[in-house]
Amino acid sequence: MTREEIKTTTKRFLSEEFEVDKDEITGNNNLQKTLDLDSLDYVDLVVVIEENLGFKPTSDDFKKIDTFNDFYDLVEKKLA
């Protein structure tokens, strides 16, 4: 999966799951603030990532994610 495919796919499922406009899901925006995530929402995030991308991120993975670019980097790494 290319980075553009990752962006398109993640924008689709994140905007649907967290009811956020796709235009707000951009590279340098903060993932937690944009998706308005609380601790329980991270459980939902793990589930939708697993369903849509085929891997289950860990809590350590999320410690390294601030922006959507960080998230895309993680996805690229996990899918490589």
PDB file of N, CA and C in Angstrom:
ATOM      1  N   MET A   1       0.849  -1.170   0.000  1.00  0.00           N
ATOM      2  CA  MET A   1       0.000   0.000   0.000  1.00  0.00           C
ATOM      3  C   MET A   1       0.901   1.242   0.000  1.00  0.00           C
ATOM      4  N   THR A   2       0.638   2.139  -0.947  1.00  0.00           N
ATOM      5  CA  THR A   2       1.432   3.365  -1.018  1.00  0.00           C
ATOM      6  C   THR A   2       0.970   4.347   0.067  1.00  0.00           C
ATOM      7  N   ARG A   3       1.780   5.377   0.289  1.00  0.00           N
ATOM      8  CA  ARG A   3       1.416   6.386   1.291  1.00  0.00           C
ATOM      9  C   ARG A   3       0.105   7.077   0.906  1.00  0.00           C
ATOM     10  N   GLU A   4      -0.101   7.338  -0.376  1.00  0.00           N
ATOM     11  CA  GLU A   4      -1.353   7.968  -0.816  1.00  0.00           C
ATOM     12  C   GLU A   4      -2.552   7.054  -0.556  1.00  0.00           C
ATOM     13  N   GLU A   5      -2.385   5.768  -0.793  1.00  0.00           N
ATOM     14  CA  GLU A   5      -3.460   4.810  -0.499  1.00  0.00           C
ATOM     15  C   GLU A   5      -3.734   4.755   0.999  1.00  0.00           C
ATOM     16  N   ILE A   6      -2.675   4.829   1.806  1.00  0.00           N
ATOM     17  CA  ILE A   6      -2.829   4.849   3.261  1.00  0.00           C
ATOM     18  C   ILE A   6      -3.625   6.077   3.676  1.00  0.00           C
ATOM     19  N   LYS A   7      -3.266   7.239   3.128  1.00  0.00           N
ATOM     20  CA  LYS A   7      -3.971   8.481   3.454  1.00  0.00           C
ATOM     21  C   LYS A   7      -5.447   8.395   3.078  1.00  0.00           C
ATOM     22  N   THR A   8      -5.728   7.944   1.875  1.00  0.00           N
ATOM     23  CA  THR A   8      -7.109   7.842   1.401  1.00  0.00           C
ATOM     24  C   THR A   8      -7.913   6.878   2.261  1.00  0.00           C
ATOM     25  N   THR A   9      -7.357   5.720   2.525  1.00  0.00           N
ATOM     26  CA  THR A   9      -8.042   4.705   3.321  1.00  0.00           C
ATOM     27  C   THR A   9      -8.288   5.184   4.744  1.00  0.00           C
ATOM     28  N   THR A  10      -7.261   5.740   5.372  1.00  0.00           N
ATOM     29  CA  THR A  10      -7.415   6.163   6.763  1.00  0.00           C
ATOM     30  C   THR A  10      -8.359   7.346   6.892  1.00  0.00           C
ATOM     31  N   LYS A  11      -8.311   8.289   5.950  1.00  0.00           N
ATOM     32  CA  LYS A  11      -9.250   9.418   5.986  1.00  0.00           C
ATOM     33  C   LYS A  11     -10.686   8.916   5.946  1.00  0.00           C
ATOM     34  N   ARG A  12     -10.929   7.934   5.087  1.00  0.00           N
ATOM     35  CA  ARG A  12     -12.271   7.397   4.942  1.00  0.00           C
ATOM     36  C   ARG A  12     -12.773   6.786   6.253  1.00  0.00           C
ATOM     37  N   PHE A  13     -12.011   5.844   6.815  1.00  0.00           N
ATOM     38  CA  PHE A  13     -12.542   5.169   7.998  1.00  0.00           C
ATOM     39  C   PHE A  13     -12.466   6.021   9.258  1.00  0.00           C
ATOM     40  N   LEU A  14     -11.475   6.895   9.373  1.00  0.00           N
ATOM     41  CA  LEU A  14     -11.409   7.761  10.550  1.00  0.00           C
ATOM     42  C   LEU A  14     -12.519   8.807  10.537  1.00  0.00           C
ATOM     43  N   SER A  15     -12.803   9.364   9.366  1.00  0.00           N
ATOM     44  CA  SER A  15     -13.871  10.371   9.295  1.00  0.00           C
ATOM     45  C   SER A  15     -15.226   9.740   9.591  1.00  0.00           C
ATOM     46  N   GLU A  16     -15.439   8.515   9.129  1.00  0.00           N
ATOM     47  CA  GLU A  16     -16.704   7.822   9.403  1.00  0.00           C
ATOM     48  C   GLU A  16     -16.823   7.454  10.880  1.00  0.00           C
ATOM     49  N   GLU A  17     -15.787   6.861  11.427  1.00  0.00           N
ATOM     50  CA  GLU A  17     -15.833   6.363  12.811  1.00  0.00           C
ATOM     51  C   GLU A  17     -15.913   7.500  13.829  1.00  0.00           C
ATOM     52  N   PHE A  18     -15.173   8.575  13.592  1.00  0.00           N
ATOM     53  CA  PHE A  18     -15.089   9.643  14.588  1.00  0.00           C
ATOM     54  C   PHE A  18     -15.849  10.907  14.180  1.00  0.00           C
ATOM     55  N   GLU A  19     -16.609  10.802  13.070  1.00  0.00           N
ATOM     56  CA  GLU A  19     -17.479  11.884  12.603  1.00  0.00           C
ATOM     57  C   GLU A  19     -16.732  13.209  12.477  1.00  0.00           C
ATOM     58  N   VAL A  20     -15.632  13.142  11.731  1.00  0.00           N
ATOM     59  CA  VAL A  20     -14.784  14.303  11.481  1.00  0.00           C
ATOM     60  C   VAL A  20     -14.717  14.517   9.973  1.00  0.00           C
ATOM     61  N   ASP A  21     -14.731  15.769   9.548  1.00  0.00           N
ATOM     62  CA  ASP A  21     -14.597  16.095   8.133  1.00  0.00           C
ATOM     63  C   ASP A  21     -13.246  15.608   7.621  1.00  0.00           C
ATOM     64  N   LYS A  22     -13.249  14.947   6.466  1.00  0.00           N
ATOM     65  CA  LYS A  22     -12.001  14.418   5.892  1.00  0.00           C
ATOM     66  C   LYS A  22     -10.950  15.502   5.709  1.00  0.00           C
ATOM     67  N   ASP A  23     -11.387  16.737   5.440  1.00  0.00           N
ATOM     68  CA  ASP A  23     -10.451  17.836   5.226  1.00  0.00           C
ATOM     69  C   ASP A  23      -9.662  18.194   6.483  1.00  0.00           C
ATOM     70  N   GLU A  24     -10.146  17.803   7.647  1.00  0.00           N
ATOM     71  CA  GLU A  24      -9.436  18.069   8.899  1.00  0.00           C
ATOM     72  C   GLU A  24      -8.340  17.044   9.174  1.00  0.00           C
ATOM     73  N   ILE A  25      -8.399  15.926   8.465  1.00  0.00           N
ATOM     74  CA  ILE A  25      -7.416  14.862   8.646  1.00  0.00           C
ATOM     75  C   ILE A  25      -6.271  15.121   7.671  1.00  0.00           C
ATOM     76  N   THR A  26      -5.332  15.958   8.130  1.00  0.00           N
ATOM     77  CA  THR A  26      -4.190  16.325   7.298  1.00  0.00           C
ATOM     78  C   THR A  26      -2.892  16.061   8.058  1.00  0.00           C
ATOM     79  N   GLY A  27      -1.837  15.961   7.315  1.00  0.00           N
ATOM     80  CA  GLY A  27      -0.534  15.546   7.813  1.00  0.00           C
ATOM     81  C   GLY A  27      -0.061  16.108   9.135  1.00  0.00           C
ATOM     82  N   ASN A  28      -0.085  17.420   9.286  1.00  0.00           N
ATOM     83  CA  ASN A  28       0.483  18.018  10.489  1.00  0.00           C
ATOM     84  C   ASN A  28      -0.533  18.276  11.597  1.00  0.00           C
ATOM     85  N   ASN A  29      -1.789  17.981  11.350  1.00  0.00           N
ATOM     86  CA  ASN A  29      -2.786  18.141  12.414  1.00  0.00           C
ATOM     87  C   ASN A  29      -2.585  17.081  13.484  1.00  0.00           C
ATOM     88  N   ASN A  30      -2.873  17.462  14.720  1.00  0.00           N
ATOM     89  CA  ASN A  30      -2.742  16.547  15.848  1.00  0.00           C
ATOM     90  C   ASN A  30      -3.847  15.503  15.791  1.00  0.00           C
ATOM     91  N   LEU A  31      -3.472  14.236  15.807  1.00  0.00           N
ATOM     92  CA  LEU A  31      -4.431  13.134  15.694  1.00  0.00           C
ATOM     93  C   LEU A  31      -5.434  13.151  16.847  1.00  0.00           C
ATOM     94  N   GLN A  32      -4.951  13.251  18.067  1.00  0.00           N
ATOM     95  CA  GLN A  32      -5.832  13.181  19.237  1.00  0.00           C
ATOM     96  C   GLN A  32      -6.825  14.338  19.254  1.00  0.00           C
ATOM     97  N   LYS A  33      -6.351  15.546  18.995  1.00  0.00           N
ATOM     98  CA  LYS A  33      -7.235  16.717  19.025  1.00  0.00           C
ATOM     99  C   LYS A  33      -8.220  16.714  17.862  1.00  0.00           C
ATOM    100  N   THR A  34      -7.747  16.371  16.680  1.00  0.00           N
ATOM    101  CA  THR A  34      -8.611  16.372  15.493  1.00  0.00           C
ATOM    102  C   THR A  34      -9.739  15.363  15.635  1.00  0.00           C
ATOM    103  N   LEU A  35      -9.416  14.176  16.137  1.00  0.00           N
ATOM    104  CA  LEU A  35     -10.431  13.135  16.289  1.00  0.00           C
ATOM    105  C   LEU A  35     -11.152  13.232  17.629  1.00  0.00           C
ATOM    106  N   ASP A  36     -10.734  14.161  18.476  1.00  0.00           N
ATOM    107  CA  ASP A  36     -11.327  14.368  19.802  1.00  0.00           C
ATOM    108  C   ASP A  36     -11.342  13.059  20.596  1.00  0.00           C
ATOM    109  N   LEU A  37     -10.156  12.446  20.711  1.00  0.00           N
ATOM    110  CA  LEU A  37     -10.024  11.136  21.350  1.00  0.00           C
ATOM    111  C   LEU A  37      -9.870  11.240  22.858  1.00  0.00           C
ATOM    112  N   ASP A  38     -10.644  10.432  23.560  1.00  0.00           N
ATOM    113  CA  ASP A  38     -10.394  10.222  24.985  1.00  0.00           C
ATOM    114  C   ASP A  38      -9.879   8.792  25.134  1.00  0.00           C
ATOM    115  N   SER A  39      -9.641   8.362  26.348  1.00  0.00           N
ATOM    116  CA  SER A  39      -9.028   7.046  26.541  1.00  0.00           C
ATOM    117  C   SER A  39      -9.879   5.910  25.975  1.00  0.00           C
ATOM    118  N   LEU A  40     -11.188   6.005  26.072  1.00  0.00           N
ATOM    119  CA  LEU A  40     -12.049   4.954  25.520  1.00  0.00           C
ATOM    120  C   LEU A  40     -12.055   4.968  23.995  1.00  0.00           C
ATOM    121  N   ASP A  41     -11.908   6.146  23.408  1.00  0.00           N
ATOM    122  CA  ASP A  41     -11.882   6.237  21.949  1.00  0.00           C
ATOM    123  C   ASP A  41     -10.672   5.523  21.359  1.00  0.00           C
ATOM    124  N   TYR A  42      -9.596   5.433  22.120  1.00  0.00           N
ATOM    125  CA  TYR A  42      -8.418   4.726  21.621  1.00  0.00           C
ATOM    126  C   TYR A  42      -8.725   3.243  21.402  1.00  0.00           C
ATOM    127  N   VAL A  43      -9.602   2.687  22.199  1.00  0.00           N
ATOM    128  CA  VAL A  43     -10.019   1.288  21.995  1.00  0.00           C
ATOM    129  C   VAL A  43     -10.724   1.172  20.648  1.00  0.00           C
ATOM    130  N   ASP A  44     -11.632   2.108  20.368  1.00  0.00           N
ATOM    131  CA  ASP A  44     -12.316   2.123  19.071  1.00  0.00           C
ATOM    132  C   ASP A  44     -11.322   2.311  17.929  1.00  0.00           C
ATOM    133  N   LEU A  45     -10.336   3.171  18.148  1.00  0.00           N
ATOM    134  CA  LEU A  45      -9.328   3.419  17.120  1.00  0.00           C
ATOM    135  C   LEU A  45      -8.545   2.151  16.808  1.00  0.00           C
ATOM    136  N   VAL A  46      -8.155   1.415  17.822  1.00  0.00           N
ATOM    137  CA  VAL A  46      -7.433   0.155  17.616  1.00  0.00           C
ATOM    138  C   VAL A  46      -8.289  -0.809  16.796  1.00  0.00           C
ATOM    139  N   VAL A  47      -9.563  -0.899  17.130  1.00  0.00           N
ATOM    140  CA  VAL A  47     -10.467  -1.815  16.426  1.00  0.00           C
ATOM    141  C   VAL A  47     -10.601  -1.434  14.957  1.00  0.00           C
ATOM    142  N   VAL A  48     -10.826  -0.158  14.660  1.00  0.00           N
ATOM    143  CA  VAL A  48     -10.994   0.238  13.249  1.00  0.00           C
ATOM    144  C   VAL A  48      -9.694   0.113  12.464  1.00  0.00           C
ATOM    145  N   ILE A  49      -8.567   0.326  13.115  1.00  0.00           N
ATOM    146  CA  ILE A  49      -7.288   0.119  12.429  1.00  0.00           C
ATOM    147  C   ILE A  49      -7.126  -1.355  12.090  1.00  0.00           C
ATOM    148  N   GLU A  50      -7.421  -2.209  13.045  1.00  0.00           N
ATOM    149  CA  GLU A  50      -7.294  -3.650  12.802  1.00  0.00           C
ATOM    150  C   GLU A  50      -8.242  -4.114  11.695  1.00  0.00           C
ATOM    151  N   GLU A  51      -9.480  -3.628  11.718  1.00  0.00           N
ATOM    152  CA  GLU A  51     -10.465  -4.016  10.704  1.00  0.00           C
ATOM    153  C   GLU A  51     -10.099  -3.513   9.312  1.00  0.00           C
ATOM    154  N   ASN A  52      -9.562  -2.311   9.227  1.00  0.00           N
ATOM    155  CA  ASN A  52      -9.317  -1.688   7.930  1.00  0.00           C
ATOM    156  C   ASN A  52      -7.905  -1.865   7.393  1.00  0.00           C
ATOM    157  N   LEU A  53      -6.938  -2.066   8.281  1.00  0.00           N
ATOM    158  CA  LEU A  53      -5.551  -2.159   7.838  1.00  0.00           C
ATOM    159  C   LEU A  53      -4.894  -3.490   8.167  1.00  0.00           C
ATOM    160  N   GLY A  54      -5.526  -4.285   9.014  1.00  0.00           N
ATOM    161  CA  GLY A  54      -5.037  -5.634   9.251  1.00  0.00           C
ATOM    162  C   GLY A  54      -3.939  -5.781  10.289  1.00  0.00           C
ATOM    163  N   PHE A  55      -3.711  -4.762  11.110  1.00  0.00           N
ATOM    164  CA  PHE A  55      -2.766  -4.914  12.212  1.00  0.00           C
ATOM    165  C   PHE A  55      -3.333  -4.223  13.444  1.00  0.00           C
ATOM    166  N   LYS A  56      -2.839  -4.658  14.597  1.00  0.00           N
ATOM    167  CA  LYS A  56      -3.326  -4.122  15.868  1.00  0.00           C
ATOM    168  C   LYS A  56      -2.220  -3.292  16.518  1.00  0.00           C
ATOM    169  N   PRO A  57      -2.375  -1.958  16.525  1.00  0.00           N
ATOM    170  CA  PRO A  57      -1.352  -1.120  17.153  1.00  0.00           C
ATOM    171  C   PRO A  57      -1.344  -1.288  18.671  1.00  0.00           C
ATOM    172  N   THR A  58      -0.182  -1.089  19.264  1.00  0.00           N
ATOM    173  CA  THR A  58      -0.027  -1.212  20.715  1.00  0.00           C
ATOM    174  C   THR A  58      -0.048   0.168  21.359  1.00  0.00           C
ATOM    175  N   SER A  59      -0.115   0.188  22.670  1.00  0.00           N
ATOM    176  CA  SER A  59      -0.059   1.470  23.379  1.00  0.00           C
ATOM    177  C   SER A  59       1.285   2.152  23.137  1.00  0.00           C
ATOM    178  N   ASP A  60       2.361   1.379  23.007  1.00  0.00           N
ATOM    179  CA  ASP A  60       3.673   1.959  22.696  1.00  0.00           C
ATOM    180  C   ASP A  60       3.668   2.637  21.326  1.00  0.00           C
ATOM    181  N   ASP A  61       2.941   2.060  20.374  1.00  0.00           N
ATOM    182  CA  ASP A  61       2.825   2.676  19.051  1.00  0.00           C
ATOM    183  C   ASP A  61       2.196   4.065  19.169  1.00  0.00           C
ATOM    184  N   PHE A  62       1.159   4.182  19.977  1.00  0.00           N
ATOM    185  CA  PHE A  62       0.455   5.458  20.101  1.00  0.00           C
ATOM    186  C   PHE A  62       1.276   6.511  20.836  1.00  0.00           C
ATOM    187  N   LYS A  63       2.221   6.088  21.649  1.00  0.00           N
ATOM    188  CA  LYS A  63       3.077   7.050  22.352  1.00  0.00           C
ATOM    189  C   LYS A  63       3.936   7.839  21.370  1.00  0.00           C
ATOM    190  N   LYS A  64       4.173   7.284  20.193  1.00  0.00           N
ATOM    191  CA  LYS A  64       5.026   7.917  19.189  1.00  0.00           C
ATOM    192  C   LYS A  64       4.222   8.759  18.197  1.00  0.00           C
ATOM    193  N   ILE A  65       2.898   8.813  18.358  1.00  0.00           N
ATOM    194  CA  ILE A  65       2.050   9.493  17.383  1.00  0.00           C
ATOM    195  C   ILE A  65       1.509  10.800  17.946  1.00  0.00           C
ATOM    196  N   ASP A  66       1.866  11.884  17.275  1.00  0.00           N
ATOM    197  CA  ASP A  66       1.280  13.184  17.580  1.00  0.00           C
ATOM    198  C   ASP A  66       0.411  13.641  16.404  1.00  0.00           C
ATOM    199  N   THR A  67       0.979  13.563  15.205  1.00  0.00           N
ATOM    200  CA  THR A  67       0.291  14.061  14.013  1.00  0.00           C
ATOM    201  C   THR A  67      -0.177  12.900  13.133  1.00  0.00           C
ATOM    202  N   PHE A  68      -0.971  13.250  12.137  1.00  0.00           N
ATOM    203  CA  PHE A  68      -1.389  12.223  11.178  1.00  0.00           C
ATOM    204  C   PHE A  68      -0.187  11.715  10.388  1.00  0.00           C
ATOM    205  N   ASN A  69       0.808  12.563  10.131  1.00  0.00           N
ATOM    206  CA  ASN A  69       2.026  12.080   9.456  1.00  0.00           C
ATOM    207  C   ASN A  69       2.704  10.998  10.280  1.00  0.00           C
ATOM    208  N   ASP A  70       2.733  11.169  11.600  1.00  0.00           N
ATOM    209  CA  ASP A  70       3.286  10.122  12.472  1.00  0.00           C
ATOM    210  C   ASP A  70       2.479   8.835  12.329  1.00  0.00           C
ATOM    211  N   PHE A  71       1.167   8.983  12.251  1.00  0.00           N
ATOM    212  CA  PHE A  71       0.287   7.823  12.094  1.00  0.00           C
ATOM    213  C   PHE A  71       0.556   7.135  10.755  1.00  0.00           C
ATOM    214  N   TYR A  72       0.674   7.928   9.670  1.00  0.00           N
ATOM    215  CA  TYR A  72       0.958   7.338   8.357  1.00  0.00           C
ATOM    216  C   TYR A  72       2.302   6.603   8.372  1.00  0.00           C
ATOM    217  N   ASP A  73       3.294   7.173   9.056  1.00  0.00           N
ATOM    218  CA  ASP A  73       4.603   6.507   9.183  1.00  0.00           C
ATOM    219  C   ASP A  73       4.457   5.148   9.865  1.00  0.00           C
ATOM    220  N   LEU A  74       3.658   5.113  10.937  1.00  0.00           N
ATOM    221  CA  LEU A  74       3.432   3.851  11.646  1.00  0.00           C
ATOM    222  C   LEU A  74       2.781   2.825  10.732  1.00  0.00           C
ATOM    223  N   VAL A  75       1.756   3.245  10.004  1.00  0.00           N
ATOM    224  CA  VAL A  75       1.054   2.324   9.093  1.00  0.00           C
ATOM    225  C   VAL A  75       2.017   1.792   8.049  1.00  0.00           C
ATOM    226  N   GLU A  76       2.808   2.672   7.447  1.00  0.00           N
ATOM    227  CA  GLU A  76       3.788   2.228   6.445  1.00  0.00           C
ATOM    228  C   GLU A  76       4.738   1.197   7.036  1.00  0.00           C
ATOM    229  N   LYS A  77       5.216   1.452   8.228  1.00  0.00           N
ATOM    230  CA  LYS A  77       6.142   0.531   8.900  1.00  0.00           C
ATOM    231  C   LYS A  77       5.490  -0.819   9.168  1.00  0.00           C
ATOM    232  N   LYS A  78       4.260  -0.794   9.674  1.00  0.00           N
ATOM    233  CA  LYS A  78       3.565  -2.039  10.021  1.00  0.00           C
ATOM    234  C   LYS A  78       3.190  -2.858   8.785  1.00  0.00           C
ATOM    235  N   LEU A  79       2.912  -2.176   7.683  1.00  0.00           N
ATOM    236  CA  LEU A  79       2.494  -2.885   6.463  1.00  0.00           C
ATOM    237  C   LEU A  79       3.655  -3.286   5.573  1.00  0.00           C
ATOM    238  N   ALA A  80       4.858  -2.846   5.918  1.00  0.00           N
ATOM    239  CA  ALA A  80       6.040  -3.149   5.082  1.00  0.00           C
ATOM    240  C   ALA A  80       6.412  -4.614   5.149  1.00  0.00           C
TER     241      ALA A  80
END
